[in-house]
Protein backbone atom coordinates (compact mmCIF):
# COMPACT_ATOMS: atom_id res chain seq x y z
CA MET A 1 -54.46 168.15 139.10
CA LYS A 2 -57.19 166.62 136.77
CA ARG A 3 -59.74 164.59 137.92
CA THR A 4 -59.61 161.68 135.54
CA MET A 5 -56.34 160.88 133.76
CA SER A 6 -55.83 158.42 130.76
CA THR A 7 -53.44 155.10 131.56
CA THR A 8 -50.71 157.44 129.35
CA GLN A 9 -51.28 160.22 132.27
CA VAL A 10 -51.12 157.64 134.72
CA ALA A 11 -47.71 155.69 133.44
CA GLU A 12 -46.02 159.55 133.48
CA LEU A 13 -46.68 159.97 136.62
CA LEU A 14 -45.82 157.27 138.26
CA GLY A 15 -42.80 156.65 136.17
CA VAL A 16 -44.12 152.99 135.03
CA SER A 17 -45.84 151.92 131.18
CA ALA A 18 -48.55 152.35 129.95
CA GLN A 19 -49.09 148.41 130.04
CA THR A 20 -48.45 148.04 133.75
CA ILE A 21 -51.53 150.65 134.16
CA ALA A 22 -53.52 148.71 132.31
CA ASN A 23 -52.92 145.20 133.80
CA TRP A 24 -53.37 147.00 137.09
CA ILE A 25 -57.31 148.36 135.97
CA ASP A 26 -57.63 144.80 134.13
CA ASN A 27 -57.08 142.66 136.85
CA GLY A 28 -58.87 144.88 138.80
CA GLN A 29 -56.62 146.13 141.45
CA LEU A 30 -56.91 149.73 140.14
CA PRO A 31 -60.61 151.04 139.49
CA ALA A 32 -61.08 152.92 136.46
CA GLY A 33 -64.26 153.87 134.28
CA ARG A 34 -64.36 153.73 130.37
CA THR A 35 -65.14 156.85 128.31
CA PRO A 36 -67.66 156.26 125.45
CA GLY A 37 -64.84 155.48 122.66
CA GLY A 38 -63.72 152.62 125.47
CA HIS A 39 -60.51 154.48 126.52
CA ARG A 40 -59.86 154.03 130.45
CA ARG A 41 -59.77 156.30 132.64
CA VAL A 42 -58.80 156.64 136.28
CA SER A 43 -59.63 159.14 139.19
CA ALA A 44 -57.00 161.04 141.13
CA GLN A 45 -58.90 159.62 143.98
CA ASP A 46 -58.78 156.41 142.98
CA LEU A 47 -54.76 156.38 142.29
CA LEU A 48 -54.36 157.99 145.52
CA ALA A 49 -56.24 155.37 147.10
CA PHE A 50 -54.09 152.61 145.27
CA LEU A 51 -50.79 154.03 145.77
CA GLU A 52 -51.69 154.64 150.03
CA THR A 53 -52.92 150.94 150.27
CA ARG A 54 -49.54 149.44 148.85
CA GLY A 55 -47.26 151.76 150.23
CA LEU A 56 -46.33 153.29 147.60
CA PRO A 57 -44.99 156.52 146.97
CA VAL A 58 -47.62 159.57 146.40
CA PRO A 59 -46.42 162.08 143.84
CA ALA A 60 -46.50 165.55 144.49
CA GLU A 61 -49.36 166.45 142.12
CA LEU A 62 -51.55 163.98 143.83
CA VAL A 63 -51.52 165.26 146.94
CA ASP A 64 -54.25 168.20 147.81
CA ARG A 65 -52.63 171.16 147.99
CA ARG A 66 -55.60 173.27 150.00
CA HIS A 67 -55.60 174.80 152.83
CA THR A 68 -56.87 172.20 155.66
CA VAL A 69 -59.15 172.70 158.49
CA LEU A 70 -59.84 170.70 160.94
CA VAL A 71 -62.99 171.75 163.14
CA VAL A 72 -63.00 169.98 166.56
CA GLU A 73 -66.37 170.19 167.84
CA ASP A 74 -68.42 167.55 169.81
CA ASP A 75 -72.03 169.11 169.13
CA PRO A 76 -73.62 166.84 166.64
CA GLN A 77 -75.17 169.94 165.46
CA VAL A 78 -72.40 172.60 165.44
CA GLY A 79 -69.46 170.76 163.91
CA PRO A 80 -71.15 169.75 160.73
CA TRP A 81 -72.75 172.67 160.82
CA LEU A 82 -69.17 174.73 160.38
CA VAL A 83 -67.55 172.18 157.95
CA LEU A 84 -70.90 172.78 155.89
CA ARG A 85 -70.93 176.36 156.03
CA LEU A 86 -67.29 176.75 155.55
CA SER A 87 -67.09 174.25 152.68
CA THR A 88 -70.00 176.28 151.01
CA VAL A 89 -68.48 179.95 151.58
CA ARG A 90 -64.84 179.30 151.10
CA PRO A 91 -64.84 175.78 148.63
CA ASP A 92 -61.38 176.76 148.25
CA LEU A 93 -60.48 175.31 151.49
CA ARG A 94 -60.33 171.40 152.64
CA VAL A 95 -62.55 170.98 155.99
CA LEU A 96 -62.74 168.17 158.14
CA LEU A 97 -64.38 167.03 161.14
CA ALA A 98 -63.39 165.56 164.69
CA LYS A 99 -66.01 164.82 167.25
CA ASP A 100 -63.37 164.98 170.26
CA GLY A 101 -59.65 165.69 171.32
CA PHE A 102 -58.54 161.82 170.71
CA GLY A 103 -60.26 162.11 167.18
CA ALA A 104 -58.32 165.38 167.04
CA GLY A 105 -54.99 164.54 167.70
CA GLU A 106 -55.65 161.38 165.35
CA MET A 107 -56.51 163.51 162.53
CA VAL A 108 -53.45 165.78 163.40
CA ALA A 109 -51.48 163.11 162.87
CA THR A 110 -52.40 162.09 159.78
CA GLU A 111 -54.29 165.26 158.01
CA ARG A 112 -51.58 167.95 159.32
CA PRO A 113 -54.50 170.61 159.24
CA ASP A 114 -52.97 174.14 158.74
CA THR A 115 -55.61 175.44 160.72
CA MET A 116 -57.76 173.94 163.50
CA LEU A 117 -60.96 175.36 165.10
CA LEU A 118 -61.23 173.65 168.31
CA ASP A 119 -63.65 173.88 171.24
CA ILE A 120 -62.71 173.97 174.01
CA TYR A 121 -64.57 171.56 176.70
CA LEU A 122 -64.73 168.17 174.96
CA PRO A 123 -65.56 164.96 176.22
CA GLY A 124 -62.00 163.01 177.28
CA LEU A 125 -59.25 164.94 176.31
CA ASP A 126 -60.28 168.64 176.84
CA GLY A 127 -59.40 171.42 174.04
CA PHE A 128 -56.62 173.27 176.24
CA GLU A 129 -54.64 169.64 176.20
CA VAL A 130 -55.21 169.29 172.66
CA CYS A 131 -53.71 172.84 172.03
CA ARG A 132 -50.61 171.85 174.34
CA ARG A 133 -50.15 168.55 172.44
CA VAL A 134 -50.18 170.23 169.33
CA LYS A 135 -47.74 173.21 170.27
CA GLU A 136 -45.65 170.85 171.37
CA ARG A 137 -44.92 168.83 168.64
CA GLN A 138 -42.26 169.81 165.79
CA GLU A 139 -44.07 168.66 163.15
CA THR A 140 -47.41 170.25 164.55
CA ARG A 141 -46.60 172.94 166.40
CA GLY A 142 -47.00 175.40 162.75
CA THR A 143 -50.61 174.99 163.15
CA ASP A 144 -53.03 177.64 164.15
CA VAL A 145 -55.13 176.88 166.76
CA ILE A 146 -58.40 179.06 166.60
CA ALA A 147 -60.20 178.32 170.26
CA MET A 148 -63.96 178.45 170.81
CA SER A 149 -66.21 178.56 173.58
CA ALA A 150 -69.46 179.18 175.29
CA HIS A 151 -67.64 179.88 178.49
CA ASP A 152 -66.27 183.54 177.42
CA THR A 153 -64.35 184.51 180.72
CA ARG A 154 -61.04 185.91 180.69
CA GLU A 155 -59.89 182.89 183.04
CA VAL A 156 -60.57 180.38 179.82
CA ARG A 157 -59.14 182.99 177.40
CA ASP A 158 -56.06 183.49 179.07
CA ALA A 159 -55.65 179.65 179.79
CA ILE A 160 -56.19 178.82 176.20
CA LEU A 161 -53.57 181.09 175.16
CA ALA A 162 -51.27 180.33 177.12
CA ALA A 163 -51.71 176.53 175.84
CA GLY A 164 -50.74 177.72 172.45
CA ALA A 165 -54.11 179.05 170.48
CA THR A 166 -53.44 181.85 168.42
CA CYS A 167 -56.88 183.72 169.32
CA PHE A 168 -60.28 182.76 171.01
CA LEU A 169 -64.03 183.18 169.84
CA PRO A 170 -66.94 182.87 171.71
CA LYS A 171 -69.89 180.70 171.26
CA PRO A 172 -72.01 181.24 169.66
CA ILE A 173 -70.01 181.72 166.56
CA ASP A 174 -69.95 185.20 164.56
CA PHE A 175 -69.31 183.52 161.18
CA ALA A 176 -68.27 186.63 159.59
CA LYS A 177 -65.90 186.92 162.58
CA LEU A 178 -64.46 183.26 161.99
CA LEU A 179 -64.21 184.11 158.12
CA ALA A 180 -62.35 187.36 159.19
CA VAL A 181 -59.94 185.39 161.17
CA LEU A 182 -59.81 182.65 158.58
CA ALA A 183 -58.99 184.92 155.86
CA GLN A 184 -55.39 186.17 157.50
CA LYS A 185 -54.28 182.72 157.98
CA ALA A 186 -55.68 181.38 154.68
CA PRO A 187 -56.69 184.42 151.95
CA ALA A 188 -59.22 183.17 149.42
CA ALA A 189 -58.19 182.04 146.19
CA VAL A 190 -58.78 184.40 143.47
CA GLU A 191 -59.84 183.70 139.95
CA ASN A 192 -59.10 185.58 137.03
CA THR A 193 -62.03 186.38 135.33
């Protein structure tokens, strides 16, 4: 999907007239920039926000189709580090962060991640329960759960795998091993050169 679109392109995408799009822009309802020649340009992100806040249908072309990974980690250094590293090494992934089990539940419901990198010992709702809830629900049971914990014991591994996780990684995370596991779930996009 193009990052910016003309009023004509937006109109065709939504099935309305270009004048309707121009009116939305001129009335301040739909944010837009202008080219040096004065032509309006709408970003895909602004158009998506405009449609979602008004409860209007979102065309499939605006939906981010990248493999989504939800990192669930309460450690204020580890969580952001994992998001940054994964986003840098695998820019083809969409990487999100939840800081506790309740936040993970909300993000699973709204973002529908393909893979969850789940810390087991979280405040409030722990990773065992998060995993069980994700795997119980029809609409989320397809989410792959990669569990992680510094408590690397047979009992912990067996319990999280029984809850529905597809694998367990001990902490500190071996980043190369994490990338190898992710490569099985979300092969890197190959660019033709």
